[in-house]
Amino acid sequence: MKKTIVIVDDHVLIAKALEGIIGNFREFEVIYGCENGKDLIQKLESNSKVPDIILLDISMPIMDGFETAAWLTENHPDIKVMALSMQGDDNSVIKMIRNGAKGYLLKNTHPKDLETALTKLNSDGFFYPEWASKIIFSNMGKEKEAENSVRISDREKEFLKYTVTELSYKEIADKMCCSPRTVESYRDQLCDKLELKTRVGLAVFAIKNGFAN
């Protein structure tokens, strides 16, 4: 069975071209397209088929890719989000990852590389090309400096360790011998301290700073 994809892009010609390209891929198929994040939310909430993967543009009217990625992470965490944009600057890459994107590609990517990226995203859960990985690692030092300037308690560090697992917050609470409300408090405090918005962002931070070991 083919993995399903939704394209979210306000440029209709680009979206249609992508749909045609993906139509030639053996393992993937596009089930519908959306012009922006709001359009996507309306379709998902109207019982449209939930896709396995969303190819998400960043620069869109009404609701852009940053806001859409964060909404998807909170409301449909099982959907794998791949940013597909003309923007390859550090800020855009890091912000999309913090908001939950599991991959990042530029729109000038060759069709064969797109198919490879989708395959890796589906099998491994993430895909970042070499240029994006360099941006991520170059920013690790900055985030480490931020961590050093913020006091993180032992219990918060323990919580960070569990953010990289598939455990629910209730299951994390059981592991930590506390209430789910307390776990949510750790999450909210860390998000405030580290200026993050999602569990994915916390998990990335935990991995980069050695709390996941």
Foldseek 3Di string as FASTA:
>chain_A
DAFEEEEAALPVVLRVVVQVLQVPFPRYHYPYYHPALVRVVVCVVVVHDDGQEYAAEADGPPHGRLRSLLVCCVPPVRRAYEYEYQDDDLVVLLSSQLSPHQEYYYNVDDSVVVSVQVVCCVPVVHDYPPSSVVSVVVCLVVLVVLPVVDDADPVLLLLLLCLLDPDDLCRSCVVVVHHSVVSVVSVVVVCVSSVGRHSSNSNSNCVSNVSND
